[in-house]
């Protein structure tokens, strides 16, 4: 897995997003996605491992939805986007990717 410290720049649907690792987050969240600033912050108390990957995938899916125009019109109060759907995609992505790779339909 790539280094999980400092800052990484990624492109999401043609827009530049910044991922900041090891950030002090004031609330009880593991991470936060800020669509107007195009920033994802990963909490400083997250340890390496499968949970970290799931958390990063979760936040990146949020970013994809925001860039797709679905960030604010599909939500529940007070949490924002449907966290159940986001978690499902984040957890199932490795299985989906495996099938796409098997069928050679990744692109």
PDB file of N, CA and C in Angstrom:
ATOM      1  N   UNK A   1       0.851  -1.176   0.000  1.00  0.00           N
ATOM      2  CA  UNK A   1       0.000   0.000   0.000  1.00  0.00           C
ATOM      3  C   UNK A   1       0.892   1.233   0.000  1.00  0.00           C
ATOM      4  N   UNK A   2       0.413   2.280  -0.636  1.00  0.00           N
ATOM      5  CA  UNK A   2       1.162   3.537  -0.706  1.00  0.00           C
ATOM      6  C   UNK A   2       1.364   4.115   0.687  1.00  0.00           C
ATOM      7  N   UNK A   3       2.349   4.956   0.814  1.00  0.00           N
ATOM      8  CA  UNK A   3       2.634   5.634   2.070  1.00  0.00           C
ATOM      9  C   UNK A   3       1.405   6.393   2.564  1.00  0.00           C
ATOM     10  N   UNK A   4       1.057   6.193   3.835  1.00  0.00           N
ATOM     11  CA  UNK A   4      -0.129   6.822   4.403  1.00  0.00           C
ATOM     12  C   UNK A   4       0.243   7.931   5.366  1.00  0.00           C
ATOM     13  N   UNK A   5       1.036   8.842   4.886  1.00  0.00           N
ATOM     14  CA  UNK A   5       1.369  10.011   5.688  1.00  0.00           C
ATOM     15  C   UNK A   5       1.513  11.204   4.759  1.00  0.00           C
ATOM     16  N   UNK A   6       1.451  12.370   5.335  1.00  0.00           N
ATOM     17  CA  UNK A   6       1.607  13.574   4.546  1.00  0.00           C
ATOM     18  C   UNK A   6       0.395  13.861   3.699  1.00  0.00           C
ATOM     19  N   UNK A   7       0.630  14.086   2.403  1.00  0.00           N
ATOM     20  CA  UNK A   7      -0.434  14.508   1.505  1.00  0.00           C
ATOM     21  C   UNK A   7      -0.249  13.842   0.153  1.00  0.00           C
ATOM     22  N   UNK A   8      -1.371  13.471  -0.478  1.00  0.00           N
ATOM     23  CA  UNK A   8      -1.354  12.911  -1.831  1.00  0.00           C
ATOM     24  C   UNK A   8      -2.347  13.669  -2.681  1.00  0.00           C
ATOM     25  N   UNK A   9      -1.997  13.896  -3.936  1.00  0.00           N
ATOM     26  CA  UNK A   9      -2.919  14.492  -4.897  1.00  0.00           C
ATOM     27  C   UNK A   9      -3.452  13.390  -5.799  1.00  0.00           C
ATOM     28  N   UNK A  10      -4.776  13.401  -6.011  1.00  0.00           N
ATOM     29  CA  UNK A  10      -5.403  12.436  -6.904  1.00  0.00           C
ATOM     30  C   UNK A  10      -6.349  13.187  -7.833  1.00  0.00           C
ATOM     31  N   UNK A  11      -6.688  12.559  -8.945  1.00  0.00           N
ATOM     32  CA  UNK A  11      -7.648  13.137  -9.883  1.00  0.00           C
ATOM     33  C   UNK A  11      -8.936  12.338  -9.801  1.00  0.00           C
ATOM     34  N   UNK A  12     -10.032  13.033  -9.525  1.00  0.00           N
ATOM     35  CA  UNK A  12     -11.338  12.402  -9.475  1.00  0.00           C
ATOM     36  C   UNK A  12     -12.211  13.079 -10.527  1.00  0.00           C
ATOM     37  N   UNK A  13     -12.541  12.319 -11.558  1.00  0.00           N
ATOM     38  CA  UNK A  13     -13.332  12.816 -12.683  1.00  0.00           C
ATOM     39  C   UNK A  13     -12.776  14.130 -13.231  1.00  0.00           C
ATOM     40  N   UNK A  14     -11.448  14.177 -13.344  1.00  0.00           N
ATOM     41  CA  UNK A  14     -10.774  15.327 -13.935  1.00  0.00           C
ATOM     42  C   UNK A  14     -10.485  16.470 -12.989  1.00  0.00           C
ATOM     43  N   UNK A  15     -10.889  16.357 -11.740  1.00  0.00           N
ATOM     44  CA  UNK A  15     -10.647  17.415 -10.756  1.00  0.00           C
ATOM     45  C   UNK A  15      -9.584  16.969  -9.767  1.00  0.00           C
ATOM     46  N   UNK A  16      -8.727  17.891  -9.394  1.00  0.00           N
ATOM     47  CA  UNK A  16      -7.654  17.600  -8.451  1.00  0.00           C
ATOM     48  C   UNK A  16      -8.184  17.612  -7.015  1.00  0.00           C
ATOM     49  N   UNK A  17      -7.948  16.522  -6.311  1.00  0.00           N
ATOM     50  CA  UNK A  17      -8.325  16.377  -4.909  1.00  0.00           C
ATOM     51  C   UNK A  17      -7.072  16.099  -4.091  1.00  0.00           C
ATOM     52  N   UNK A  18      -7.072  16.591  -2.877  1.00  0.00           N
ATOM     53  CA  UNK A  18      -5.951  16.379  -1.970  1.00  0.00           C
ATOM     54  C   UNK A  18      -6.398  15.443  -0.850  1.00  0.00           C
ATOM     55  N   UNK A  19      -5.574  14.430  -0.556  1.00  0.00           N
ATOM     56  CA  UNK A  19      -5.815  13.567   0.598  1.00  0.00           C
ATOM     57  C   UNK A  19      -4.745  13.885   1.632  1.00  0.00           C
ATOM     58  N   UNK A  20      -5.174  14.322   2.793  1.00  0.00           N
ATOM     59  CA  UNK A  20      -4.268  14.595   3.908  1.00  0.00           C
ATOM     60  C   UNK A  20      -4.364  13.448   4.905  1.00  0.00           C
ATOM     61  N   UNK A  21      -3.223  12.857   5.222  1.00  0.00           N
ATOM     62  CA  UNK A  21      -3.179  11.755   6.173  1.00  0.00           C
ATOM     63  C   UNK A  21      -2.732  12.272   7.541  1.00  0.00           C
ATOM     64  N   UNK A  22      -3.165  11.557   8.571  1.00  0.00           N
ATOM     65  CA  UNK A  22      -2.753  11.851   9.954  1.00  0.00           C
ATOM     66  C   UNK A  22      -3.179  13.249  10.391  1.00  0.00           C
ATOM     67  N   UNK A  23      -4.432  13.590  10.108  1.00  0.00           N
ATOM     68  CA  UNK A  23      -4.980  14.899  10.444  1.00  0.00           C
ATOM     69  C   UNK A  23      -5.745  14.792  11.762  1.00  0.00           C
ATOM     70  N   UNK A  24      -5.604  15.779  12.610  1.00  0.00           N
ATOM     71  CA  UNK A  24      -6.393  15.846  13.837  1.00  0.00           C
ATOM     72  C   UNK A  24      -7.811  16.256  13.458  1.00  0.00           C
ATOM     73  N   UNK A  25      -8.779  15.374  13.723  1.00  0.00           N
ATOM     74  CA  UNK A  25     -10.185  15.634  13.420  1.00  0.00           C
ATOM     75  C   UNK A  25     -10.916  15.789  14.745  1.00  0.00           C
ATOM     76  N   UNK A  26     -11.617  16.911  14.892  1.00  0.00           N
ATOM     77  CA  UNK A  26     -12.236  17.247  16.168  1.00  0.00           C
ATOM     78  C   UNK A  26     -13.420  16.371  16.543  1.00  0.00           C
ATOM     79  N   UNK A  27     -14.186  15.903  15.569  1.00  0.00           N
ATOM     80  CA  UNK A  27     -15.335  15.066  15.932  1.00  0.00           C
ATOM     81  C   UNK A  27     -14.919  13.601  15.994  1.00  0.00           C
ATOM     82  N   UNK A  28     -15.877  12.715  16.065  1.00  0.00           N
ATOM     83  CA  UNK A  28     -15.605  11.296  16.253  1.00  0.00           C
ATOM     84  C   UNK A  28     -15.376  10.546  14.943  1.00  0.00           C
ATOM     85  N   UNK A  29     -15.195  11.245  13.846  1.00  0.00           N
ATOM     86  CA  UNK A  29     -15.075  10.614  12.528  1.00  0.00           C
ATOM     87  C   UNK A  29     -13.672  10.056  12.297  1.00  0.00           C
ATOM     88  N   UNK A  30     -13.617   9.011  11.465  1.00  0.00           N
ATOM     89  CA  UNK A  30     -12.331   8.460  11.031  1.00  0.00           C
ATOM     90  C   UNK A  30     -11.733   9.287   9.911  1.00  0.00           C
ATOM     91  N   UNK A  31     -12.606   9.988   9.186  1.00  0.00           N
ATOM     92  CA  UNK A  31     -12.169  10.801   8.051  1.00  0.00           C
ATOM     93  C   UNK A  31     -13.276  11.786   7.710  1.00  0.00           C
ATOM     94  N   UNK A  32     -12.908  12.773   6.880  1.00  0.00           N
ATOM     95  CA  UNK A  32     -13.867  13.769   6.426  1.00  0.00           C
ATOM     96  C   UNK A  32     -13.580  14.110   4.971  1.00  0.00           C
ATOM     97  N   UNK A  33     -14.655  14.326   4.210  1.00  0.00           N
ATOM     98  CA  UNK A  33     -14.535  14.775   2.822  1.00  0.00           C
ATOM     99  C   UNK A  33     -15.151  16.162   2.729  1.00  0.00           C
ATOM    100  N   UNK A  34     -14.373  17.106   2.199  1.00  0.00           N
ATOM    101  CA  UNK A  34     -14.815  18.490   2.055  1.00  0.00           C
ATOM    102  C   UNK A  34     -14.917  18.796   0.558  1.00  0.00           C
ATOM    103  N   UNK A  35     -16.132  18.712  -0.007  1.00  0.00           N
ATOM    104  CA  UNK A  35     -16.267  18.829  -1.464  1.00  0.00           C
ATOM    105  C   UNK A  35     -15.935  20.192  -2.028  1.00  0.00           C
ATOM    106  N   UNK A  36     -16.206  21.267  -1.304  1.00  0.00           N
ATOM    107  CA  UNK A  36     -15.935  22.603  -1.857  1.00  0.00           C
ATOM    108  C   UNK A  36     -14.443  22.885  -1.937  1.00  0.00           C
ATOM    109  N   UNK A  37     -13.682  22.316  -1.004  1.00  0.00           N
ATOM    110  CA  UNK A  37     -12.225  22.484  -1.024  1.00  0.00           C
ATOM    111  C   UNK A  37     -11.529  21.353  -1.777  1.00  0.00           C
ATOM    112  N   UNK A  38     -12.309  20.297  -2.104  1.00  0.00           N
ATOM    113  CA  UNK A  38     -11.768  19.081  -2.734  1.00  0.00           C
ATOM    114  C   UNK A  38     -10.624  18.509  -1.903  1.00  0.00           C
ATOM    115  N   UNK A  39     -10.939  18.279  -0.633  1.00  0.00           N
ATOM    116  CA  UNK A  39      -9.966  17.761   0.330  1.00  0.00           C
ATOM    117  C   UNK A  39     -10.589  16.592   1.082  1.00  0.00           C
ATOM    118  N   UNK A  40      -9.791  15.543   1.256  1.00  0.00           N
ATOM    119  CA  UNK A  40     -10.148  14.413   2.106  1.00  0.00           C
ATOM    120  C   UNK A  40      -9.136  14.372   3.237  1.00  0.00           C
ATOM    121  N   UNK A  41      -9.626  14.383   4.466  1.00  0.00           N
ATOM    122  CA  UNK A  41      -8.757  14.289   5.638  1.00  0.00           C
ATOM    123  C   UNK A  41      -8.952  12.939   6.307  1.00  0.00           C
ATOM    124  N   UNK A  42      -7.852  12.234   6.542  1.00  0.00           N
ATOM    125  CA  UNK A  42      -7.856  10.945   7.228  1.00  0.00           C
ATOM    126  C   UNK A  42      -7.314  11.182   8.634  1.00  0.00           C
ATOM    127  N   UNK A  43      -8.047  10.708   9.641  1.00  0.00           N
ATOM    128  CA  UNK A  43      -7.708  10.994  11.043  1.00  0.00           C
ATOM    129  C   UNK A  43      -6.341  10.461  11.436  1.00  0.00           C
ATOM    130  N   UNK A  44      -5.741  11.145  12.407  1.00  0.00           N
ATOM    131  CA  UNK A  44      -4.413  10.772  12.879  1.00  0.00           C
ATOM    132  C   UNK A  44      -4.411   9.524  13.753  1.00  0.00           C
ATOM    133  N   UNK A  45      -5.570   9.082  14.224  1.00  0.00           N
ATOM    134  CA  UNK A  45      -5.596   7.905  15.090  1.00  0.00           C
ATOM    135  C   UNK A  45      -5.949   6.622  14.346  1.00  0.00           C
ATOM    136  N   UNK A  46      -5.946   6.671  13.018  1.00  0.00           N
ATOM    137  CA  UNK A  46      -6.214   5.484  12.201  1.00  0.00           C
ATOM    138  C   UNK A  46      -4.909   4.717  12.038  1.00  0.00           C
ATOM    139  N   UNK A  47      -4.954   3.397  12.254  1.00  0.00           N
ATOM    140  CA  UNK A  47      -3.758   2.581  12.093  1.00  0.00           C
ATOM    141  C   UNK A  47      -3.780   1.901  10.730  1.00  0.00           C
ATOM    142  N   UNK A  48      -2.620   1.463  10.278  1.00  0.00           N
ATOM    143  CA  UNK A  48      -2.521   0.806   8.974  1.00  0.00           C
ATOM    144  C   UNK A  48      -3.299  -0.495   8.962  1.00  0.00           C
ATOM    145  N   UNK A  49      -3.716  -0.913   7.797  1.00  0.00           N
ATOM    146  CA  UNK A  49      -4.396  -2.188   7.647  1.00  0.00           C
ATOM    147  C   UNK A  49      -5.617  -2.096   6.763  1.00  0.00           C
ATOM    148  N   UNK A  50      -6.402  -3.163   6.776  1.00  0.00           N
ATOM    149  CA  UNK A  50      -7.579  -3.245   5.919  1.00  0.00           C
ATOM    150  C   UNK A  50      -8.592  -2.161   6.245  1.00  0.00           C
ATOM    151  N   UNK A  51      -8.734  -1.796   7.525  1.00  0.00           N
ATOM    152  CA  UNK A  51      -9.683  -0.756   7.910  1.00  0.00           C
ATOM    153  C   UNK A  51      -9.304   0.583   7.288  1.00  0.00           C
ATOM    154  N   UNK A  52      -8.023   0.858   7.225  1.00  0.00           N
ATOM    155  CA  UNK A  52      -7.555   2.108   6.611  1.00  0.00           C
ATOM    156  C   UNK A  52      -7.940   2.145   5.142  1.00  0.00           C
ATOM    157  N   UNK A  53      -7.739   1.044   4.449  1.00  0.00           N
ATOM    158  CA  UNK A  53      -8.097   0.980   3.035  1.00  0.00           C
ATOM    159  C   UNK A  53      -9.588   1.216   2.853  1.00  0.00           C
ATOM    160  N   UNK A  54     -10.403   0.576   3.694  1.00  0.00           N
ATOM    161  CA  UNK A  54     -11.851   0.749   3.599  1.00  0.00           C
ATOM    162  C   UNK A  54     -12.244   2.196   3.846  1.00  0.00           C
ATOM    163  N   UNK A  55     -11.621   2.846   4.820  1.00  0.00           N
ATOM    164  CA  UNK A  55     -11.930   4.245   5.134  1.00  0.00           C
ATOM    165  C   UNK A  55     -11.550   5.151   3.969  1.00  0.00           C
ATOM    166  N   UNK A  56     -10.385   4.930   3.381  1.00  0.00           N
ATOM    167  CA  UNK A  56      -9.952   5.750   2.245  1.00  0.00           C
ATOM    168  C   UNK A  56     -10.892   5.535   1.059  1.00  0.00           C
ATOM    169  N   UNK A  57     -11.244   4.270   0.768  1.00  0.00           N
ATOM    170  CA  UNK A  57     -12.195   4.000  -0.318  1.00  0.00           C
ATOM    171  C   UNK A  57     -13.518   4.699  -0.053  1.00  0.00           C
ATOM    172  N   UNK A  58     -13.996   4.640   1.181  1.00  0.00           N
ATOM    173  CA  UNK A  58     -15.254   5.271   1.571  1.00  0.00           C
ATOM    174  C   UNK A  58     -15.235   6.758   1.226  1.00  0.00           C
ATOM    175  N   UNK A  59     -14.175   7.451   1.614  1.00  0.00           N
ATOM    176  CA  UNK A  59     -14.093   8.891   1.367  1.00  0.00           C
ATOM    177  C   UNK A  59     -13.935   9.205  -0.119  1.00  0.00           C
ATOM    178  N   UNK A  60     -13.199   8.368  -0.847  1.00  0.00           N
ATOM    179  CA  UNK A  60     -13.033   8.581  -2.289  1.00  0.00           C
ATOM    180  C   UNK A  60     -14.362   8.400  -3.010  1.00  0.00           C
ATOM    181  N   UNK A  61     -15.178   7.454  -2.569  1.00  0.00           N
ATOM    182  CA  UNK A  61     -16.503   7.285  -3.176  1.00  0.00           C
ATOM    183  C   UNK A  61     -17.351   8.524  -2.918  1.00  0.00           C
ATOM    184  N   UNK A  62     -17.268   9.091  -1.714  1.00  0.00           N
ATOM    185  CA  UNK A  62     -17.948  10.365  -1.460  1.00  0.00           C
ATOM    186  C   UNK A  62     -17.510  11.403  -2.496  1.00  0.00           C
ATOM    187  N   UNK A  63     -16.202  11.496  -2.719  1.00  0.00           N
ATOM    188  CA  UNK A  63     -15.677  12.494  -3.656  1.00  0.00           C
ATOM    189  C   UNK A  63     -16.198  12.252  -5.069  1.00  0.00           C
ATOM    190  N   UNK A  64     -16.243  10.991  -5.505  1.00  0.00           N
ATOM    191  CA  UNK A  64     -16.786  10.686  -6.827  1.00  0.00           C
ATOM    192  C   UNK A  64     -18.244  11.125  -6.932  1.00  0.00           C
ATOM    193  N   UNK A  65     -19.025  10.877  -5.895  1.00  0.00           N
ATOM    194  CA  UNK A  65     -20.423  11.302  -5.926  1.00  0.00           C
ATOM    195  C   UNK A  65     -20.537  12.820  -5.996  1.00  0.00           C
ATOM    196  N   UNK A  66     -19.716  13.526  -5.243  1.00  0.00           N
ATOM    197  CA  UNK A  66     -19.734  14.991  -5.304  1.00  0.00           C
ATOM    198  C   UNK A  66     -19.394  15.477  -6.704  1.00  0.00           C
ATOM    199  N   UNK A  67     -18.347  14.915  -7.306  1.00  0.00           N
ATOM    200  CA  UNK A  67     -17.941  15.346  -8.642  1.00  0.00           C
ATOM    201  C   UNK A  67     -18.962  14.944  -9.702  1.00  0.00           C
ATOM    202  N   UNK A  68     -19.772  13.946  -9.418  1.00  0.00           N
ATOM    203  CA  UNK A  68     -20.817  13.517 -10.347  1.00  0.00           C
ATOM    204  C   UNK A  68     -22.091  14.339 -10.220  1.00  0.00           C
ATOM    205  N   UNK A  69     -22.105  15.251  -9.266  1.00  0.00           N
ATOM    206  CA  UNK A  69     -23.292  16.062  -9.047  1.00  0.00           C
ATOM    207  C   UNK A  69     -24.294  15.436  -8.099  1.00  0.00           C
ATOM    208  N   UNK A  70     -23.914  14.360  -7.445  1.00  0.00           N
ATOM    209  CA  UNK A  70     -24.822  13.653  -6.549  1.00  0.00           C
ATOM    210  C   UNK A  70     -24.522  13.919  -5.075  1.00  0.00           C
ATOM    211  N   UNK A  71     -23.682  14.871  -4.806  1.00  0.00           N
ATOM    212  CA  UNK A  71     -23.240  15.097  -3.436  1.00  0.00           C
ATOM    213  C   UNK A  71     -24.275  15.692  -2.515  1.00  0.00           C
ATOM    214  N   UNK A  72     -25.170  16.475  -3.050  1.00  0.00           N
ATOM    215  CA  UNK A  72     -26.086  17.190  -2.174  1.00  0.00           C
ATOM    216  C   UNK A  72     -27.550  16.898  -2.463  1.00  0.00           C
ATOM    217  N   UNK A  73     -27.833  16.127  -3.514  1.00  0.00           N
ATOM    218  CA  UNK A  73     -29.234  15.853  -3.804  1.00  0.00           C
ATOM    219  C   UNK A  73     -29.647  14.443  -3.408  1.00  0.00           C
ATOM    220  N   UNK A  74     -28.755  13.697  -2.835  1.00  0.00           N
ATOM    221  CA  UNK A  74     -29.054  12.365  -2.323  1.00  0.00           C
ATOM    222  C   UNK A  74     -28.489  12.294  -0.921  1.00  0.00           C
ATOM    223  N   UNK A  75     -29.288  12.672   0.042  1.00  0.00           N
ATOM    224  CA  UNK A  75     -28.754  12.726   1.389  1.00  0.00           C
ATOM    225  C   UNK A  75     -29.837  12.470   2.417  1.00  0.00           C
ATOM    226  N   UNK A  76     -29.388  12.161   3.589  1.00  0.00           N
ATOM    227  CA  UNK A  76     -30.293  12.086   4.725  1.00  0.00           C
ATOM    228  C   UNK A  76     -29.732  12.986   5.813  1.00  0.00           C
ATOM    229  N   UNK A  77     -30.579  13.533   6.589  1.00  0.00           N
ATOM    230  CA  UNK A  77     -30.168  14.475   7.633  1.00  0.00           C
ATOM    231  C   UNK A  77     -29.897  13.698   8.902  1.00  0.00           C
ATOM    232  N   UNK A  78     -28.957  14.047   9.700  1.00  0.00           N
ATOM    233  CA  UNK A  78     -28.007  15.146   9.564  1.00  0.00           C
ATOM    234  C   UNK A  78     -26.675  14.727   8.957  1.00  0.00           C
ATOM    235  N   UNK A  79     -26.579  13.522   8.388  1.00  0.00           N
ATOM    236  CA  UNK A  79     -25.285  12.964   8.021  1.00  0.00           C
ATOM    237  C   UNK A  79     -24.807  13.274   6.618  1.00  0.00           C
ATOM    238  N   UNK A  80     -25.661  13.693   5.721  1.00  0.00           N
ATOM    239  CA  UNK A  80     -25.238  13.931   4.344  1.00  0.00           C
ATOM    240  C   UNK A  80     -25.605  12.757   3.463  1.00  0.00           C
ATOM    241  N   UNK A  81     -24.680  12.312   2.623  1.00  0.00           N
ATOM    242  CA  UNK A  81     -24.960  11.207   1.711  1.00  0.00           C
ATOM    243  C   UNK A  81     -25.281   9.941   2.499  1.00  0.00           C
ATOM    244  N   UNK A  82     -25.997   9.052   1.877  1.00  0.00           N
ATOM    245  CA  UNK A  82     -26.393   7.817   2.522  1.00  0.00           C
ATOM    246  C   UNK A  82     -25.153   6.996   2.880  1.00  0.00           C
ATOM    247  N   UNK A  83     -24.815   6.986   4.146  1.00  0.00           N
ATOM    248  CA  UNK A  83     -23.599   6.306   4.604  1.00  0.00           C
ATOM    249  C   UNK A  83     -23.668   4.799   4.383  1.00  0.00           C
ATOM    250  N   UNK A  84     -24.856   4.228   4.406  1.00  0.00           N
ATOM    251  CA  UNK A  84     -24.990   2.793   4.165  1.00  0.00           C
ATOM    252  C   UNK A  84     -24.540   2.447   2.758  1.00  0.00           C
ATOM    253  N   UNK A  85     -24.975   3.236   1.768  1.00  0.00           N
ATOM    254  CA  UNK A  85     -24.592   3.001   0.385  1.00  0.00           C
ATOM    255  C   UNK A  85     -23.083   3.196   0.213  1.00  0.00           C
ATOM    256  N   UNK A  86     -22.551   4.247   0.801  1.00  0.00           N
ATOM    257  CA  UNK A  86     -21.112   4.513   0.683  1.00  0.00           C
ATOM    258  C   UNK A  86     -20.317   3.366   1.289  1.00  0.00           C
ATOM    259  N   UNK A  87     -20.703   2.915   2.480  1.00  0.00           N
ATOM    260  CA  UNK A  87     -20.017   1.783   3.115  1.00  0.00           C
ATOM    261  C   UNK A  87     -20.097   0.532   2.247  1.00  0.00           C
ATOM    262  N   UNK A  88     -21.274   0.290   1.652  1.00  0.00           N
ATOM    263  CA  UNK A  88     -21.430  -0.890   0.816  1.00  0.00           C
ATOM    264  C   UNK A  88     -20.441  -0.864  -0.335  1.00  0.00           C
ATOM    265  N   UNK A  89     -20.360   0.260  -1.046  1.00  0.00           N
ATOM    266  CA  UNK A  89     -19.408   0.368  -2.156  1.00  0.00           C
ATOM    267  C   UNK A  89     -17.977   0.206  -1.670  1.00  0.00           C
ATOM    268  N   UNK A  90     -17.640   0.838  -0.567  1.00  0.00           N
ATOM    269  CA  UNK A  90     -16.269   0.762  -0.050  1.00  0.00           C
ATOM    270  C   UNK A  90     -15.895  -0.676   0.323  1.00  0.00           C
ATOM    271  N   UNK A  91     -16.831  -1.409   0.911  1.00  0.00           N
ATOM    272  CA  UNK A  91     -16.539  -2.786   1.322  1.00  0.00           C
ATOM    273  C   UNK A  91     -16.566  -3.764   0.156  1.00  0.00           C
ATOM    274  N   UNK A  92     -17.415  -3.540  -0.825  1.00  0.00           N
ATOM    275  CA  UNK A  92     -17.573  -4.481  -1.924  1.00  0.00           C
ATOM    276  C   UNK A  92     -16.653  -4.212  -3.103  1.00  0.00           C
ATOM    277  N   UNK A  93     -16.023  -3.056  -3.134  1.00  0.00           N
ATOM    278  CA  UNK A  93     -15.174  -2.700  -4.269  1.00  0.00           C
ATOM    279  C   UNK A  93     -14.126  -3.767  -4.604  1.00  0.00           C
ATOM    280  N   UNK A  94     -13.399  -4.312  -3.616  1.00  0.00           N
ATOM    281  CA  UNK A  94     -12.398  -5.331  -3.990  1.00  0.00           C
ATOM    282  C   UNK A  94     -13.013  -6.530  -4.718  1.00  0.00           C
ATOM    283  N   UNK A  95     -14.207  -6.919  -4.329  1.00  0.00           N
ATOM    284  CA  UNK A  95     -14.879  -8.048  -4.989  1.00  0.00           C
ATOM    285  C   UNK A  95     -15.328  -7.661  -6.394  1.00  0.00           C
ATOM    286  N   UNK A  96     -15.829  -6.450  -6.542  1.00  0.00           N
ATOM    287  CA  UNK A  96     -16.242  -5.961  -7.856  1.00  0.00           C
ATOM    288  C   UNK A  96     -15.027  -5.872  -8.781  1.00  0.00           C
ATOM    289  N   UNK A  97     -13.940  -5.328  -8.257  1.00  0.00           N
ATOM    290  CA  UNK A  97     -12.709  -5.193  -9.043  1.00  0.00           C
ATOM    291  C   UNK A  97     -12.212  -6.564  -9.504  1.00  0.00           C
ATOM    292  N   UNK A  98     -12.270  -7.553  -8.621  1.00  0.00           N
ATOM    293  CA  UNK A  98     -11.812  -8.901  -8.969  1.00  0.00           C
ATOM    294  C   UNK A  98     -12.611  -9.459 -10.148  1.00  0.00           C
ATOM    295  N   UNK A  99     -13.916  -9.268 -10.143  1.00  0.00           N
ATOM    296  CA  UNK A  99     -14.764  -9.753 -11.233  1.00  0.00           C
ATOM    297  C   UNK A  99     -14.468  -8.976 -12.521  1.00  0.00           C
ATOM    298  N   UNK A 100     -14.335  -7.653 -12.407  1.00  0.00           N
ATOM    299  CA  UNK A 100     -14.002  -6.846 -13.584  1.00  0.00           C
ATOM    300  C   UNK A 100     -12.673  -7.304 -14.198  1.00  0.00           C
ATOM    301  N   UNK A 101     -11.696  -7.579 -13.334  1.00  0.00           N
ATOM    302  CA  UNK A 101     -10.389  -8.024 -13.811  1.00  0.00           C
ATOM    303  C   UNK A 101     -10.513  -9.397 -14.481  1.00  0.00           C
ATOM    304  N   UNK A 102     -11.269 -10.297 -13.868  1.00  0.00           N
ATOM    305  CA  UNK A 102     -11.483 -11.632 -14.426  1.00  0.00           C
ATOM    306  C   UNK A 102     -12.079 -11.550 -15.818  1.00  0.00           C
ATOM    307  N   UNK A 103     -13.011 -10.620 -16.008  1.00  0.00           N
ATOM    308  CA  UNK A 103     -13.702 -10.467 -17.292  1.00  0.00           C
ATOM    309  C   UNK A 103     -12.991  -9.501 -18.235  1.00  0.00           C
ATOM    310  N   UNK A 104     -11.861  -8.941 -17.781  1.00  0.00           N
ATOM    311  CA  UNK A 104     -11.103  -7.968 -18.555  1.00  0.00           C
ATOM    312  C   UNK A 104     -11.961  -6.780 -18.978  1.00  0.00           C
ATOM    313  N   UNK A 105     -12.723  -6.236 -18.007  1.00  0.00           N
ATOM    314  CA  UNK A 105     -13.571  -5.079 -18.284  1.00  0.00           C
ATOM    315  C   UNK A 105     -13.259  -3.927 -17.325  1.00  0.00           C
ATOM    316  N   UNK A 106     -12.015  -3.828 -16.862  1.00  0.00           N
ATOM    317  CA  UNK A 106     -11.636  -2.804 -15.902  1.00  0.00           C
ATOM    318  C   UNK A 106     -11.660  -1.388 -16.474  1.00  0.00           C
ATOM    319  N   UNK A 107     -11.395  -1.252 -17.762  1.00  0.00           N
ATOM    320  CA  UNK A 107     -11.320   0.085 -18.353  1.00  0.00           C
ATOM    321  C   UNK A 107     -12.659   0.591 -18.792  1.00  0.00           C
TER     322      UNK A 107
END
